[in-house]
Amino acid sequence: MATPSTAWRAFEAAIAQADLPCRFVLDSAAVRIDARSSYQPDVLVTWGEPVTDDALVIPHPVIVVEVLSPGNAMKDLRDKLQGYFRVAGLQHYLVVDPDKRLIIHHARGHGDVIGTRIVSAGDLALDPPGLIVAVEDFFGPALGHS
């Protein structure tokens, strides 16, 4: 089952393989949307400047990840989508659905375009920053399969 822990492990492997100056942060820091609002994603990835371990707000995330649960699904799918893309520099918003074993990938396009695709297998290319993450790495073994 997908959890924030499986998501950060997927990014840990992808960042190590890509050898890029990216860092991931696991649900301990917020993303400021505006002067009054911030969200605390399950996982986020920054590019470039290192982030201190005690940082409470990450100013320039490039990727944010939310893992759906029954209590947060509507907020993650509607409100946070609009909010996260108000953050300059954010390129990808991934919504991980552990029940359906799929990822909804929202990516910043040109101008105000946000492209969306649903991915259930294979590799997920996140460019920028140039990471490739295996979709299967977000999920444990499927139940009923050996």
C-alpha atoms as a PDB file:
ATOM      1  CA  MET A   1       0.000   0.000   0.000  1.00  0.00           C
ATOM      2  CA  ALA A   2       1.198   3.501  -0.793  1.00  0.00           C
ATOM      3  CA  THR A   3       2.159   5.600   2.195  1.00  0.00           C
ATOM      4  CA  PRO A   4       4.255   8.735   2.634  1.00  0.00           C
ATOM      5  CA  SER A   5       7.148   6.393   3.519  1.00  0.00           C
ATOM      6  CA  THR A   6       6.924   4.448   0.257  1.00  0.00           C
ATOM      7  CA  ALA A   7       6.676   7.732  -1.642  1.00  0.00           C
ATOM      8  CA  TRP A   8       9.825   9.195  -0.092  1.00  0.00           C
ATOM      9  CA  ARG A   9      11.695   5.932  -0.700  1.00  0.00           C
ATOM     10  CA  ALA A  10      10.692   6.147  -4.368  1.00  0.00           C
ATOM     11  CA  PHE A  11      12.171   9.643  -4.538  1.00  0.00           C
ATOM     12  CA  GLU A  12      15.243   8.686  -2.556  1.00  0.00           C
ATOM     13  CA  ALA A  13      16.058   6.031  -5.183  1.00  0.00           C
ATOM     14  CA  ALA A  14      15.254   8.311  -8.134  1.00  0.00           C
ATOM     15  CA  ILE A  15      17.378  11.183  -6.795  1.00  0.00           C
ATOM     16  CA  ALA A  16      20.315   8.862  -6.116  1.00  0.00           C
ATOM     17  CA  GLN A  17      20.099   7.386  -9.614  1.00  0.00           C
ATOM     18  CA  ALA A  18      19.807  10.784 -11.331  1.00  0.00           C
ATOM     19  CA  ASP A  19      22.640  12.297  -9.286  1.00  0.00           C
ATOM     20  CA  LEU A  20      20.906  15.694  -9.272  1.00  0.00           C
ATOM     21  CA  PRO A  21      21.031  18.414  -6.597  1.00  0.00           C
ATOM     22  CA  CYS A  22      17.543  17.504  -5.358  1.00  0.00           C
ATOM     23  CA  ARG A  23      16.424  16.837  -1.811  1.00  0.00           C
ATOM     24  CA  PHE A  24      13.216  15.298  -0.540  1.00  0.00           C
ATOM     25  CA  VAL A  25      11.385  16.292   2.630  1.00  0.00           C
ATOM     26  CA  LEU A  26       8.953  13.934   4.335  1.00  0.00           C
ATOM     27  CA  ASP A  27       5.791  15.572   5.774  1.00  0.00           C
ATOM     28  CA  SER A  28       7.663  17.839   8.179  1.00  0.00           C
ATOM     29  CA  ALA A  29       7.585  21.156   6.340  1.00  0.00           C
ATOM     30  CA  ALA A  30       4.933  23.326   4.762  1.00  0.00           C
ATOM     31  CA  VAL A  31       4.561  24.959   1.374  1.00  0.00           C
ATOM     32  CA  ARG A  32       3.386  28.558   1.650  1.00  0.00           C
ATOM     33  CA  ILE A  33       0.571  29.211  -0.828  1.00  0.00           C
ATOM     34  CA  ASP A  34      -0.072  32.845   0.114  1.00  0.00           C
ATOM     35  CA  ALA A  35       0.180  35.108   3.166  1.00  0.00           C
ATOM     36  CA  ARG A  36      -2.583  33.198   5.004  1.00  0.00           C
ATOM     37  CA  SER A  37      -2.397  29.662   3.594  1.00  0.00           C
ATOM     38  CA  SER A  38       0.062  26.820   3.565  1.00  0.00           C
ATOM     39  CA  TYR A  39      -0.153  23.082   2.972  1.00  0.00           C
ATOM     40  CA  GLN A  40       1.960  20.335   4.448  1.00  0.00           C
ATOM     41  CA  PRO A  41       2.400  17.706   1.704  1.00  0.00           C
ATOM     42  CA  ASP A  42       3.275  14.095   2.453  1.00  0.00           C
ATOM     43  CA  VAL A  43       6.508  14.443   0.460  1.00  0.00           C
ATOM     44  CA  LEU A  44       8.116  17.301  -1.400  1.00  0.00           C
ATOM     45  CA  VAL A  45      11.208  17.634  -3.533  1.00  0.00           C
ATOM     46  CA  THR A  46      13.361  20.737  -3.771  1.00  0.00           C
ATOM     47  CA  TRP A  47      15.952  21.586  -6.381  1.00  0.00           C
ATOM     48  CA  GLY A  48      19.277  23.305  -5.879  1.00  0.00           C
ATOM     49  CA  GLU A  49      19.841  24.950  -2.508  1.00  0.00           C
ATOM     50  CA  PRO A  50      19.946  22.492   0.418  1.00  0.00           C
ATOM     51  CA  VAL A  51      17.174  22.621   2.992  1.00  0.00           C
ATOM     52  CA  THR A  52      17.996  22.491   6.685  1.00  0.00           C
ATOM     53  CA  ASP A  53      16.550  19.575   8.659  1.00  0.00           C
ATOM     54  CA  ASP A  54      14.599  21.961  10.881  1.00  0.00           C
ATOM     55  CA  ALA A  55      13.037  24.043   8.091  1.00  0.00           C
ATOM     56  CA  LEU A  56       9.331  24.633   8.726  1.00  0.00           C
ATOM     57  CA  VAL A  57       8.529  26.153   5.318  1.00  0.00           C
ATOM     58  CA  ILE A  58      10.052  25.142   1.995  1.00  0.00           C
ATOM     59  CA  PRO A  59      10.081  28.220  -0.244  1.00  0.00           C
ATOM     60  CA  HIS A  60      10.689  26.650  -3.673  1.00  0.00           C
ATOM     61  CA  PRO A  61       9.435  23.080  -4.031  1.00  0.00           C
ATOM     62  CA  VAL A  62       9.612  21.575  -7.505  1.00  0.00           C
ATOM     63  CA  ILE A  63       7.480  18.470  -6.752  1.00  0.00           C
ATOM     64  CA  VAL A  64       4.791  17.911  -4.103  1.00  0.00           C
ATOM     65  CA  VAL A  65       3.154  14.569  -3.320  1.00  0.00           C
ATOM     66  CA  GLU A  66      -0.072  13.822  -1.475  1.00  0.00           C
ATOM     67  CA  VAL A  67      -1.167  10.268  -0.619  1.00  0.00           C
ATOM     68  CA  LEU A  68      -4.961  10.019  -0.611  1.00  0.00           C
ATOM     69  CA  SER A  69      -6.903   8.881   2.404  1.00  0.00           C
ATOM     70  CA  PRO A  70     -10.692   8.985   2.924  1.00  0.00           C
ATOM     71  CA  GLY A  71     -10.440  12.081   5.104  1.00  0.00           C
ATOM     72  CA  ASN A  72      -8.357  14.178   2.718  1.00  0.00           C
ATOM     73  CA  ALA A  73      -9.352  13.083  -0.799  1.00  0.00           C
ATOM     74  CA  MET A  74     -11.532  16.045  -1.805  1.00  0.00           C
ATOM     75  CA  LYS A  75      -9.111  18.630  -0.449  1.00  0.00           C
ATOM     76  CA  ASP A  76      -6.136  16.962  -2.186  1.00  0.00           C
ATOM     77  CA  LEU A  77      -7.949  16.574  -5.510  1.00  0.00           C
ATOM     78  CA  ARG A  78      -9.553  20.033  -5.653  1.00  0.00           C
ATOM     79  CA  ASP A  79      -8.268  22.688  -3.255  1.00  0.00           C
ATOM     80  CA  LYS A  80      -4.610  21.738  -3.113  1.00  0.00           C
ATOM     81  CA  LEU A  81      -4.400  21.421  -6.900  1.00  0.00           C
ATOM     82  CA  GLN A  82      -5.348  25.071  -7.267  1.00  0.00           C
ATOM     83  CA  GLY A  83      -3.178  26.157  -4.359  1.00  0.00           C
ATOM     84  CA  TYR A  84       0.027  24.333  -5.154  1.00  0.00           C
ATOM     85  CA  PHE A  85       0.204  25.699  -8.696  1.00  0.00           C
ATOM     86  CA  ARG A  86       0.063  29.232  -7.304  1.00  0.00           C
ATOM     87  CA  VAL A  87       3.602  28.550  -6.022  1.00  0.00           C
ATOM     88  CA  ALA A  88       6.198  29.833  -8.476  1.00  0.00           C
ATOM     89  CA  GLY A  89       8.571  27.107  -9.576  1.00  0.00           C
ATOM     90  CA  LEU A  90       6.343  24.172  -8.655  1.00  0.00           C
ATOM     91  CA  GLN A  91       6.410  21.816 -11.640  1.00  0.00           C
ATOM     92  CA  HIS A  92       4.628  18.638 -10.525  1.00  0.00           C
ATOM     93  CA  TYR A  93       1.814  17.747  -8.147  1.00  0.00           C
ATOM     94  CA  LEU A  94       1.410  13.996  -7.659  1.00  0.00           C
ATOM     95  CA  VAL A  95      -1.687  12.547  -6.021  1.00  0.00           C
ATOM     96  CA  VAL A  96      -1.120   8.915  -5.058  1.00  0.00           C
ATOM     97  CA  ASP A  97      -4.241   6.753  -4.824  1.00  0.00           C
ATOM     98  CA  PRO A  98      -3.313   3.682  -2.748  1.00  0.00           C
ATOM     99  CA  ASP A  99      -6.660   1.930  -3.304  1.00  0.00           C
ATOM    100  CA  LYS A 100      -6.573   2.113  -7.101  1.00  0.00           C
ATOM    101  CA  ARG A 101      -2.766   1.854  -7.241  1.00  0.00           C
ATOM    102  CA  LEU A 102      -2.386   4.833  -9.532  1.00  0.00           C
ATOM    103  CA  ILE A 103      -0.863   8.287  -9.585  1.00  0.00           C
ATOM    104  CA  ILE A 104      -2.590  11.405 -10.847  1.00  0.00           C
ATOM    105  CA  HIS A 105       0.217  13.536 -12.244  1.00  0.00           C
ATOM    106  CA  HIS A 106      -0.452  17.255 -12.668  1.00  0.00           C
ATOM    107  CA  ALA A 107       2.357  19.080 -14.491  1.00  0.00           C
ATOM    108  CA  ARG A 108       2.873  22.774 -15.150  1.00  0.00           C
ATOM    109  CA  GLY A 109       2.711  23.576 -18.855  1.00  0.00           C
ATOM    110  CA  HIS A 110       3.137  26.840 -20.742  1.00  0.00           C
ATOM    111  CA  GLY A 111       1.297  29.875 -19.427  1.00  0.00           C
ATOM    112  CA  ASP A 112      -1.526  28.848 -17.144  1.00  0.00           C
ATOM    113  CA  VAL A 113      -1.879  25.311 -18.545  1.00  0.00           C
ATOM    114  CA  ILE A 114      -1.778  22.376 -16.122  1.00  0.00           C
ATOM    115  CA  GLY A 115      -1.536  18.994 -17.850  1.00  0.00           C
ATOM    116  CA  THR A 116      -2.978  15.951 -16.102  1.00  0.00           C
ATOM    117  CA  ARG A 117      -2.425  12.274 -16.723  1.00  0.00           C
ATOM    118  CA  ILE A 118      -3.202   9.131 -14.791  1.00  0.00           C
ATOM    119  CA  VAL A 119      -0.399   6.582 -14.511  1.00  0.00           C
ATOM    120  CA  SER A 120      -0.703   3.068 -13.106  1.00  0.00           C
ATOM    121  CA  ALA A 121       2.506   1.400 -14.330  1.00  0.00           C
ATOM    122  CA  GLY A 122       5.902   2.115 -15.828  1.00  0.00           C
ATOM    123  CA  ASP A 123       8.105   5.114 -15.252  1.00  0.00           C
ATOM    124  CA  LEU A 124       7.015   8.606 -14.349  1.00  0.00           C
ATOM    125  CA  ALA A 125       9.295  11.229 -15.925  1.00  0.00           C
ATOM    126  CA  LEU A 126       9.421  14.425 -13.871  1.00  0.00           C
ATOM    127  CA  ASP A 127      11.233  17.042 -15.931  1.00  0.00           C
ATOM    128  CA  PRO A 128      12.252  19.417 -14.641  1.00  0.00           C
ATOM    129  CA  PRO A 129      14.171  18.481 -12.556  1.00  0.00           C
ATOM    130  CA  GLY A 130      15.004  15.329 -14.553  1.00  0.00           C
ATOM    131  CA  LEU A 131      13.895  12.533 -12.235  1.00  0.00           C
ATOM    132  CA  ILE A 132      12.472   9.209 -13.334  1.00  0.00           C
ATOM    133  CA  VAL A 133      10.422   7.401 -10.699  1.00  0.00           C
ATOM    134  CA  ALA A 134       8.999   3.909 -11.143  1.00  0.00           C
ATOM    135  CA  VAL A 135       5.264   4.000 -10.401  1.00  0.00           C
ATOM    136  CA  GLU A 136       5.532   0.585  -8.738  1.00  0.00           C
ATOM    137  CA  ASP A 137       7.964   2.073  -6.195  1.00  0.00           C
ATOM    138  CA  PHE A 138       5.088   4.074  -4.691  1.00  0.00           C
ATOM    139  CA  PHE A 139       3.216   0.859  -3.829  1.00  0.00           C
ATOM    140  CA  GLY A 140       4.019  -2.346  -2.002  1.00  0.00           C
ATOM    141  CA  PRO A 141       3.285  -5.735  -3.548  1.00  0.00           C
ATOM    142  CA  ALA A 142      -0.299  -6.087  -4.776  1.00  0.00           C
ATOM    143  CA  LEU A 143      -2.499  -8.125  -2.448  1.00  0.00           C
ATOM    144  CA  GLY A 144      -3.295 -11.554  -3.766  1.00  0.00           C
ATOM    145  CA  HIS A 145      -0.167 -11.691  -5.922  1.00  0.00           C
ATOM    146  CA  SER A 146       3.035 -13.506  -5.185  1.00  0.00           C
END
